[in-house]
Amino acid sequence: MQDILFKEESTIKNQRRRILQKLNVSSMKEAIDFYKKTTQTSSQNFTNYHQEIFQKLVGTS
């Protein structure tokens, strides 16, 4: 990864550690699970919202 980003390994580790702290998780697996849960919830909310609007527009329930 450091070759791709042109950064020192310690810099990448520090940045990764800070990201995990901001997400309030302790591992990359937890961060990935958090991301999946967040995007799934957002996607479902988006779908529900648009279905509700569509139903109001066409007058069905």
N, C-alpha and C. Protein backbone atom coordinates (compact mmCIF):
# COMPACT_ATOMS: atom_id res chain seq x y z
N MET A 1 0.82 -1.18 0.00
CA MET A 1 0.00 0.00 0.00
C MET A 1 0.87 1.26 0.00
N GLN A 2 1.96 1.22 0.73
CA GLN A 2 2.80 2.41 0.81
C GLN A 2 3.40 2.77 -0.54
N ASP A 3 3.64 1.78 -1.39
CA ASP A 3 4.16 2.05 -2.73
C ASP A 3 3.12 2.77 -3.59
N ILE A 4 1.88 2.39 -3.42
CA ILE A 4 0.79 3.01 -4.19
C ILE A 4 0.58 4.45 -3.74
N LEU A 5 0.60 4.67 -2.43
CA LEU A 5 0.31 6.00 -1.88
C LEU A 5 1.54 6.89 -1.74
N PHE A 6 2.71 6.32 -1.95
CA PHE A 6 3.97 7.05 -1.80
C PHE A 6 4.10 7.65 -0.40
N LYS A 7 3.75 6.86 0.62
CA LYS A 7 3.84 7.31 2.01
C LYS A 7 4.57 6.24 2.82
N GLU A 8 5.13 6.68 3.92
CA GLU A 8 5.82 5.76 4.82
C GLU A 8 4.81 4.83 5.48
N GLU A 9 5.26 3.65 5.80
CA GLU A 9 4.39 2.66 6.44
C GLU A 9 3.84 3.20 7.76
N SER A 10 4.65 3.90 8.52
CA SER A 10 4.19 4.44 9.80
C SER A 10 3.09 5.48 9.59
N THR A 11 3.17 6.27 8.53
CA THR A 11 2.14 7.25 8.23
C THR A 11 0.81 6.56 7.93
N ILE A 12 0.87 5.50 7.14
CA ILE A 12 -0.34 4.75 6.80
C ILE A 12 -0.94 4.13 8.05
N LYS A 13 -0.11 3.56 8.91
CA LYS A 13 -0.61 2.96 10.15
C LYS A 13 -1.27 4.00 11.04
N ASN A 14 -0.65 5.17 11.15
CA ASN A 14 -1.22 6.25 11.97
C ASN A 14 -2.55 6.73 11.40
N GLN A 15 -2.62 6.89 10.10
CA GLN A 15 -3.86 7.34 9.47
C GLN A 15 -4.97 6.30 9.67
N ARG A 16 -4.61 5.04 9.50
CA ARG A 16 -5.57 3.96 9.70
C ARG A 16 -6.08 3.95 11.14
N ARG A 17 -5.18 4.10 12.09
CA ARG A 17 -5.55 4.13 13.51
C ARG A 17 -6.50 5.28 13.80
N ARG A 18 -6.23 6.47 13.24
CA ARG A 18 -7.10 7.63 13.45
C ARG A 18 -8.48 7.42 12.84
N ILE A 19 -8.54 6.78 11.69
CA ILE A 19 -9.83 6.51 11.05
C ILE A 19 -10.65 5.55 11.92
N LEU A 20 -10.01 4.50 12.43
CA LEU A 20 -10.70 3.56 13.31
C LEU A 20 -11.21 4.26 14.57
N GLN A 21 -10.42 5.17 15.11
CA GLN A 21 -10.85 5.92 16.30
C GLN A 21 -12.07 6.78 15.98
N LYS A 22 -12.04 7.44 14.85
CA LYS A 22 -13.17 8.31 14.47
C LYS A 22 -14.44 7.50 14.26
N LEU A 23 -14.31 6.28 13.76
CA LEU A 23 -15.47 5.41 13.56
C LEU A 23 -15.88 4.70 14.85
N ASN A 24 -15.06 4.85 15.89
CA ASN A 24 -15.29 4.22 17.18
C ASN A 24 -15.32 2.69 17.07
N VAL A 25 -14.37 2.16 16.31
CA VAL A 25 -14.20 0.72 16.15
C VAL A 25 -12.75 0.36 16.45
N SER A 26 -12.51 -0.93 16.68
CA SER A 26 -11.14 -1.32 17.04
C SER A 26 -10.42 -2.14 15.98
N SER A 27 -11.11 -2.47 14.88
CA SER A 27 -10.45 -3.26 13.85
C SER A 27 -11.00 -2.89 12.47
N MET A 28 -10.27 -3.31 11.44
CA MET A 28 -10.73 -3.06 10.08
C MET A 28 -12.01 -3.86 9.81
N LYS A 29 -12.12 -5.05 10.38
CA LYS A 29 -13.33 -5.85 10.20
C LYS A 29 -14.54 -5.09 10.76
N GLU A 30 -14.40 -4.51 11.95
CA GLU A 30 -15.49 -3.72 12.53
C GLU A 30 -15.82 -2.52 11.65
N ALA A 31 -14.79 -1.89 11.09
CA ALA A 31 -15.00 -0.73 10.22
C ALA A 31 -15.78 -1.13 8.97
N ILE A 32 -15.43 -2.28 8.40
CA ILE A 32 -16.12 -2.77 7.20
C ILE A 32 -17.57 -3.13 7.54
N ASP A 33 -17.78 -3.80 8.67
CA ASP A 33 -19.14 -4.13 9.09
C ASP A 33 -19.96 -2.87 9.32
N PHE A 34 -19.35 -1.87 9.94
CA PHE A 34 -20.01 -0.58 10.17
C PHE A 34 -20.40 0.06 8.84
N TYR A 35 -19.49 0.04 7.89
CA TYR A 35 -19.76 0.61 6.57
C TYR A 35 -20.92 -0.11 5.89
N LYS A 36 -20.89 -1.45 5.92
CA LYS A 36 -21.95 -2.23 5.28
C LYS A 36 -23.30 -1.92 5.92
N LYS A 37 -23.34 -1.87 7.25
CA LYS A 37 -24.59 -1.59 7.97
C LYS A 37 -25.09 -0.19 7.62
N THR A 38 -24.19 0.77 7.60
CA THR A 38 -24.58 2.15 7.31
C THR A 38 -25.10 2.30 5.90
N THR A 39 -24.42 1.72 4.92
CA THR A 39 -24.86 1.86 3.54
C THR A 39 -26.13 1.09 3.28
N GLN A 40 -26.28 -0.06 3.92
CA GLN A 40 -27.50 -0.85 3.75
C GLN A 40 -28.69 -0.09 4.33
N THR A 41 -28.54 0.50 5.50
CA THR A 41 -29.61 1.27 6.13
C THR A 41 -29.95 2.48 5.28
N SER A 42 -28.94 3.19 4.80
CA SER A 42 -29.17 4.37 3.96
C SER A 42 -29.89 3.99 2.68
N SER A 43 -29.48 2.91 2.07
CA SER A 43 -30.10 2.44 0.83
C SER A 43 -31.55 2.06 1.07
N GLN A 44 -31.81 1.36 2.17
CA GLN A 44 -33.18 0.96 2.48
C GLN A 44 -34.05 2.18 2.77
N ASN A 45 -33.52 3.14 3.51
CA ASN A 45 -34.27 4.37 3.80
C ASN A 45 -34.58 5.12 2.51
N PHE A 46 -33.62 5.17 1.60
CA PHE A 46 -33.80 5.84 0.31
C PHE A 46 -34.92 5.15 -0.47
N THR A 47 -34.88 3.82 -0.52
CA THR A 47 -35.89 3.05 -1.25
C THR A 47 -37.27 3.26 -0.64
N ASN A 48 -37.36 3.17 0.68
CA ASN A 48 -38.65 3.36 1.36
C ASN A 48 -39.21 4.74 1.10
N TYR A 49 -38.37 5.75 1.17
CA TYR A 49 -38.80 7.13 0.94
C TYR A 49 -39.37 7.29 -0.46
N HIS A 50 -38.69 6.75 -1.46
CA HIS A 50 -39.15 6.91 -2.84
C HIS A 50 -40.40 6.09 -3.12
N GLN A 51 -40.54 4.95 -2.47
CA GLN A 51 -41.78 4.17 -2.62
C GLN A 51 -42.95 4.93 -2.02
N GLU A 52 -42.71 5.57 -0.89
CA GLU A 52 -43.76 6.36 -0.23
C GLU A 52 -44.19 7.53 -1.12
N ILE A 53 -43.23 8.22 -1.69
CA ILE A 53 -43.54 9.35 -2.58
C ILE A 53 -44.31 8.86 -3.80
N PHE A 54 -43.87 7.75 -4.39
CA PHE A 54 -44.54 7.19 -5.56
C PHE A 54 -45.99 6.84 -5.23
N GLN A 55 -46.20 6.22 -4.08
CA GLN A 55 -47.56 5.85 -3.68
C GLN A 55 -48.44 7.08 -3.52
N LYS A 56 -47.89 8.14 -2.97
CA LYS A 56 -48.66 9.38 -2.82
C LYS A 56 -48.99 9.98 -4.19
N LEU A 57 -48.06 9.89 -5.11
CA LEU A 57 -48.28 10.46 -6.44
C LEU A 57 -49.35 9.70 -7.23
N VAL A 58 -49.35 8.37 -7.10
CA VAL A 58 -50.30 7.58 -7.86
C VAL A 58 -51.59 7.30 -7.10
N GLY A 59 -51.62 7.72 -5.84
CA GLY A 59 -52.84 7.58 -5.04
C GLY A 59 -53.14 6.19 -4.54
N THR A 60 -52.09 5.38 -4.34
CA THR A 60 -52.29 4.05 -3.78
C THR A 60 -51.73 4.01 -2.36
N SER A 61 -52.06 2.96 -1.64
CA SER A 61 -51.49 2.83 -0.30
C SER A 61 -50.98 1.47 -0.01
